[in-house]
C-alpha atoms as a PDB file:
ATOM      1  CA  UNK A   1      50.039  11.402 -11.836  1.00  0.00           C
ATOM      2  CA  UNK A   2      46.450  12.577 -12.032  1.00  0.00           C
ATOM      3  CA  UNK A   3      43.307  11.358 -13.831  1.00  0.00           C
ATOM      4  CA  UNK A   4      40.151  13.418 -14.282  1.00  0.00           C
ATOM      5  CA  UNK A   5      37.077  11.600 -15.552  1.00  0.00           C
ATOM      6  CA  UNK A   6      33.744  12.808 -16.942  1.00  0.00           C
ATOM      7  CA  UNK A   7      30.895  11.012 -18.656  1.00  0.00           C
ATOM      8  CA  UNK A   8      28.898  12.555 -21.472  1.00  0.00           C
ATOM      9  CA  UNK A   9      25.224  13.262 -20.693  1.00  0.00           C
ATOM     10  CA  UNK A  10      24.124  10.303 -22.843  1.00  0.00           C
ATOM     11  CA  UNK A  11      26.367   7.933 -20.785  1.00  0.00           C
ATOM     12  CA  UNK A  12      28.047   6.612 -23.918  1.00  0.00           C
ATOM     13  CA  UNK A  13      31.489   8.227 -23.684  1.00  0.00           C
ATOM     14  CA  UNK A  14      34.044   8.531 -20.909  1.00  0.00           C
ATOM     15  CA  UNK A  15      36.485  11.410 -21.206  1.00  0.00           C
ATOM     16  CA  UNK A  16      39.817  10.986 -19.355  1.00  0.00           C
ATOM     17  CA  UNK A  17      42.353  13.755 -18.904  1.00  0.00           C
ATOM     18  CA  UNK A  18      45.618  12.207 -17.815  1.00  0.00           C
ATOM     19  CA  UNK A  19      48.611  14.111 -16.440  1.00  0.00           C
ATOM     20  CA  UNK A  20      51.519  11.693 -16.049  1.00  0.00           C
ATOM     21  CA  UNK A  21      55.108  10.949 -16.903  1.00  0.00           C
ATOM     22  CA  UNK A  22      55.870  10.623 -20.589  1.00  0.00           C
ATOM     23  CA  UNK A  23      55.171   7.142 -21.905  1.00  0.00           C
ATOM     24  CA  UNK A  24      52.419   4.551 -21.570  1.00  0.00           C
ATOM     25  CA  UNK A  25      49.704   4.749 -18.925  1.00  0.00           C
ATOM     26  CA  UNK A  26      47.711   1.592 -18.308  1.00  0.00           C
ATOM     27  CA  UNK A  27      44.095   2.394 -17.449  1.00  0.00           C
ATOM     28  CA  UNK A  28      41.597   0.032 -15.815  1.00  0.00           C
ATOM     29  CA  UNK A  29      37.849   0.831 -15.662  1.00  0.00           C
ATOM     30  CA  UNK A  30      35.176  -1.116 -13.825  1.00  0.00           C
ATOM     31  CA  UNK A  31      31.481  -0.611 -13.197  1.00  0.00           C
ATOM     32  CA  UNK A  32      29.818  -3.392 -11.240  1.00  0.00           C
ATOM     33  CA  UNK A  33      30.669  -6.649 -12.970  1.00  0.00           C
ATOM     34  CA  UNK A  34      31.713  -4.881 -16.177  1.00  0.00           C
ATOM     35  CA  UNK A  35      35.309  -3.952 -16.794  1.00  0.00           C
ATOM     36  CA  UNK A  36      37.717  -2.870 -19.440  1.00  0.00           C
ATOM     37  CA  UNK A  37      41.195  -1.523 -19.933  1.00  0.00           C
ATOM     38  CA  UNK A  38      43.187   0.612 -22.315  1.00  0.00           C
ATOM     39  CA  UNK A  39      46.680   1.958 -22.700  1.00  0.00           C
ATOM     40  CA  UNK A  40      47.350   5.634 -23.430  1.00  0.00           C
ATOM     41  CA  UNK A  41      50.561   7.186 -24.628  1.00  0.00           C
ATOM     42  CA  UNK A  42      51.329  10.436 -22.804  1.00  0.00           C
ATOM     43  CA  UNK A  43      53.465  12.844 -24.900  1.00  0.00           C
ATOM     44  CA  UNK A  44      56.421  14.958 -23.745  1.00  0.00           C
ATOM     45  CA  UNK A  45      53.978  17.628 -22.446  1.00  0.00           C
ATOM     46  CA  UNK A  46      52.877  15.133 -19.757  1.00  0.00           C
ATOM     47  CA  UNK A  47      49.176  15.569 -20.495  1.00  0.00           C
ATOM     48  CA  UNK A  48      46.723  13.827 -22.780  1.00  0.00           C
ATOM     49  CA  UNK A  49      43.012  13.427 -23.329  1.00  0.00           C
ATOM     50  CA  UNK A  50      41.193  10.289 -24.427  1.00  0.00           C
ATOM     51  CA  UNK A  51      37.542   9.688 -25.254  1.00  0.00           C
ATOM     52  CA  UNK A  52      36.338   6.118 -24.763  1.00  0.00           C
ATOM     53  CA  UNK A  53      33.111   4.584 -26.086  1.00  0.00           C
ATOM     54  CA  UNK A  54      31.772   2.908 -22.907  1.00  0.00           C
ATOM     55  CA  UNK A  55      29.567   0.183 -24.495  1.00  0.00           C
ATOM     56  CA  UNK A  56      32.635  -1.159 -26.301  1.00  0.00           C
ATOM     57  CA  UNK A  57      35.348  -0.610 -23.667  1.00  0.00           C
ATOM     58  CA  UNK A  58      33.414  -1.452 -20.486  1.00  0.00           C
ATOM     59  CA  UNK A  59      30.104  -2.873 -21.695  1.00  0.00           C
ATOM     60  CA  UNK A  60      27.886  -0.300 -19.939  1.00  0.00           C
ATOM     61  CA  UNK A  61      27.414   3.428 -19.543  1.00  0.00           C
ATOM     62  CA  UNK A  62      25.519   3.195 -16.252  1.00  0.00           C
ATOM     63  CA  UNK A  63      26.813   2.771 -12.765  1.00  0.00           C
ATOM     64  CA  UNK A  64      29.696   3.873 -10.584  1.00  0.00           C
ATOM     65  CA  UNK A  65      32.931   3.735 -12.542  1.00  0.00           C
ATOM     66  CA  UNK A  66      36.213   2.957 -10.768  1.00  0.00           C
ATOM     67  CA  UNK A  67      39.122   4.201 -12.816  1.00  0.00           C
ATOM     68  CA  UNK A  68      42.763   3.508 -11.991  1.00  0.00           C
ATOM     69  CA  UNK A  69      45.965   4.103 -13.889  1.00  0.00           C
ATOM     70  CA  UNK A  70      49.668   3.435 -13.641  1.00  0.00           C
ATOM     71  CA  UNK A  71      52.166   5.495 -15.567  1.00  0.00           C
ATOM     72  CA  UNK A  72      55.634   4.646 -16.962  1.00  0.00           C
ATOM     73  CA  UNK A  73      57.239   5.641 -13.644  1.00  0.00           C
ATOM     74  CA  UNK A  74      55.016   3.256 -11.671  1.00  0.00           C
ATOM     75  CA  UNK A  75      52.939   6.091 -10.167  1.00  0.00           C
ATOM     76  CA  UNK A  76      49.258   5.334  -9.597  1.00  0.00           C
ATOM     77  CA  UNK A  77      46.172   7.497  -9.781  1.00  0.00           C
ATOM     78  CA  UNK A  78      42.440   6.925  -9.337  1.00  0.00           C
ATOM     79  CA  UNK A  79      39.246   8.629 -10.414  1.00  0.00           C
ATOM     80  CA  UNK A  80      35.560   7.921 -10.106  1.00  0.00           C
ATOM     81  CA  UNK A  81      32.480   9.006 -12.011  1.00  0.00           C
ATOM     82  CA  UNK A  82      28.843   8.003 -12.170  1.00  0.00           C
ATOM     83  CA  UNK A  83      26.872   7.172 -15.281  1.00  0.00           C
ATOM     84  CA  UNK A  84      23.388   8.157 -14.150  1.00  0.00           C
ATOM     85  CA  UNK A  85      21.322   7.853 -17.351  1.00  0.00           C
ATOM     86  CA  UNK A  86      19.083   5.041 -16.110  1.00  0.00           C
ATOM     87  CA  UNK A  87      18.519   6.893 -12.841  1.00  0.00           C
ATOM     88  CA  UNK A  88      17.852  10.170 -14.689  1.00  0.00           C
ATOM     89  CA  UNK A  89      15.284   8.332 -16.830  1.00  0.00           C
ATOM     90  CA  UNK A  90      13.675   6.946 -13.680  1.00  0.00           C
ATOM     91  CA  UNK A  91      13.369  10.469 -12.226  1.00  0.00           C
ATOM     92  CA  UNK A  92      11.838  11.726 -15.485  1.00  0.00           C
ATOM     93  CA  UNK A  93       9.242   8.916 -15.502  1.00  0.00           C
ATOM     94  CA  UNK A  94       8.280   9.554 -11.890  1.00  0.00           C
ATOM     95  CA  UNK A  95       7.986  13.289 -12.518  1.00  0.00           C
ATOM     96  CA  UNK A  96       5.856  12.562 -15.601  1.00  0.00           C
ATOM     97  CA  UNK A  97       3.308  10.850 -13.326  1.00  0.00           C
ATOM     98  CA  UNK A  98       3.021  14.095 -11.415  1.00  0.00           C
ATOM     99  CA  UNK A  99       1.664  15.792 -14.515  1.00  0.00           C
ATOM    100  CA  UNK A 100      -1.460  13.626 -14.180  1.00  0.00           C
ATOM    101  CA  UNK A 101      -2.165  14.829 -10.642  1.00  0.00           C
ATOM    102  CA  UNK A 102      -4.109  17.784  -9.391  1.00  0.00           C
ATOM    103  CA  UNK A 103      -2.767  20.185  -6.818  1.00  0.00           C
ATOM    104  CA  UNK A 104      -4.245  18.414  -3.814  1.00  0.00           C
ATOM    105  CA  UNK A 105      -3.869  14.827  -5.055  1.00  0.00           C
ATOM    106  CA  UNK A 106      -2.170  12.637  -2.505  1.00  0.00           C
ATOM    107  CA  UNK A 107      -1.837   9.582  -4.758  1.00  0.00           C
ATOM    108  CA  UNK A 108       1.208  11.091  -6.472  1.00  0.00           C
ATOM    109  CA  UNK A 109       3.156  11.892  -3.364  1.00  0.00           C
ATOM    110  CA  UNK A 110       5.013   8.537  -3.502  1.00  0.00           C
ATOM    111  CA  UNK A 111       6.254   9.266  -7.044  1.00  0.00           C
ATOM    112  CA  UNK A 112       7.512  12.659  -5.931  1.00  0.00           C
ATOM    113  CA  UNK A 113       9.168  11.220  -2.858  1.00  0.00           C
ATOM    114  CA  UNK A 114      10.917   8.499  -4.873  1.00  0.00           C
ATOM    115  CA  UNK A 115      12.077  11.044  -7.485  1.00  0.00           C
ATOM    116  CA  UNK A 116      13.459  13.299  -4.764  1.00  0.00           C
ATOM    117  CA  UNK A 117      15.272  10.420  -3.053  1.00  0.00           C
ATOM    118  CA  UNK A 118      16.830   9.199  -6.330  1.00  0.00           C
ATOM    119  CA  UNK A 119      17.975  12.750  -7.115  1.00  0.00           C
ATOM    120  CA  UNK A 120      19.531  13.110  -3.660  1.00  0.00           C
ATOM    121  CA  UNK A 121      21.267   9.751  -3.949  1.00  0.00           C
ATOM    122  CA  UNK A 122      22.778  10.795  -7.297  1.00  0.00           C
ATOM    123  CA  UNK A 123      24.027  13.988  -5.606  1.00  0.00           C
ATOM    124  CA  UNK A 124      25.490  11.922  -2.795  1.00  0.00           C
ATOM    125  CA  UNK A 125      27.261   9.641  -5.250  1.00  0.00           C
ATOM    126  CA  UNK A 126      28.825  12.569  -7.037  1.00  0.00           C
ATOM    127  CA  UNK A 127      29.888  14.036  -3.723  1.00  0.00           C
ATOM    128  CA  UNK A 128      31.543  10.746  -2.640  1.00  0.00           C
ATOM    129  CA  UNK A 129      33.404  10.478  -5.950  1.00  0.00           C
ATOM    130  CA  UNK A 130      34.676  14.024  -5.719  1.00  0.00           C
ATOM    131  CA  UNK A 131      36.818  12.954  -2.770  1.00  0.00           C
ATOM    132  CA  UNK A 132      38.761  10.261  -4.713  1.00  0.00           C
ATOM    133  CA  UNK A 133      42.451  10.904  -4.202  1.00  0.00           C
ATOM    134  CA  UNK A 134      45.808   9.185  -3.951  1.00  0.00           C
ATOM    135  CA  UNK A 135      44.962   7.088  -0.844  1.00  0.00           C
ATOM    136  CA  UNK A 136      43.561   3.834  -2.191  1.00  0.00           C
ATOM    137  CA  UNK A 137      42.237   2.679   1.196  1.00  0.00           C
ATOM    138  CA  UNK A 138      40.075   5.835   1.436  1.00  0.00           C
ATOM    139  CA  UNK A 139      39.122   5.442  -2.218  1.00  0.00           C
ATOM    140  CA  UNK A 140      37.843   1.915  -1.609  1.00  0.00           C
ATOM    141  CA  UNK A 141      35.534   3.141   1.147  1.00  0.00           C
ATOM    142  CA  UNK A 142      34.292   6.011  -1.039  1.00  0.00           C
ATOM    143  CA  UNK A 143      33.577   3.632  -3.961  1.00  0.00           C
ATOM    144  CA  UNK A 144      31.745   1.154  -1.713  1.00  0.00           C
ATOM    145  CA  UNK A 145      29.586   3.986  -0.302  1.00  0.00           C
ATOM    146  CA  UNK A 146      28.869   5.395  -3.776  1.00  0.00           C
ATOM    147  CA  UNK A 147      27.930   1.965  -5.093  1.00  0.00           C
ATOM    148  CA  UNK A 148      25.573   1.379  -2.147  1.00  0.00           C
ATOM    149  CA  UNK A 149      23.859   4.678  -2.937  1.00  0.00           C
ATOM    150  CA  UNK A 150      23.597   3.760  -6.601  1.00  0.00           C
ATOM    151  CA  UNK A 151      22.055   0.373  -5.761  1.00  0.00           C
ATOM    152  CA  UNK A 152      19.560   2.036  -3.376  1.00  0.00           C
ATOM    153  CA  UNK A 153      18.590   4.460  -6.173  1.00  0.00           C
ATOM    154  CA  UNK A 154      18.018   1.520  -8.486  1.00  0.00           C
ATOM    155  CA  UNK A 155      15.806  -0.100  -5.831  1.00  0.00           C
ATOM    156  CA  UNK A 156      13.765   3.079  -5.534  1.00  0.00           C
ATOM    157  CA  UNK A 157      13.338   3.114  -9.303  1.00  0.00           C
ATOM    158  CA  UNK A 158      11.928  -0.363  -9.398  1.00  0.00           C
ATOM    159  CA  UNK A 159       8.150  -0.582  -9.253  1.00  0.00           C
ATOM    160  CA  UNK A 160       8.254  -3.179  -6.499  1.00  0.00           C
ATOM    161  CA  UNK A 161      10.066  -1.032  -3.930  1.00  0.00           C
ATOM    162  CA  UNK A 162       7.101  -1.147  -1.598  1.00  0.00           C
ATOM    163  CA  UNK A 163       4.789   1.385  -0.084  1.00  0.00           C
ATOM    164  CA  UNK A 164       6.606   4.645   0.709  1.00  0.00           C
ATOM    165  CA  UNK A 165       9.993   2.971   1.274  1.00  0.00           C
END
């Protein structure tokens, strides 16, 4: 069994491509304290695609999403994806402040540094989640690391992060 997950750029929809044994696949999705589940019927071809509206199914479109599924044969699969819309918005706001600065202005260097760090943390999250596989013990460590990076990015986006943290 295999699950491939992507989130639309507006963080409202989760697309799942499921390759599994014919029959029902039970899917569980969590992001932080939000969670949801659904059941998908896989046809004879062994492959199906489902588009889920995240605000209804999970309650959020932001965060690190842990996705697990069990097919009719009892086989398990995992996937992970990040909904980065709030972090992308943070980067955009910090970059907007750079438009107010002159070439030699040092007052905007903190905004640039925070934007760069948030961008790098998002890249690190995506990298971590690309290694999700069939070993759930490894997956747990990858999810914990991705969630720590996401939380650090949220901290950097808050206005009370401190001086040059």
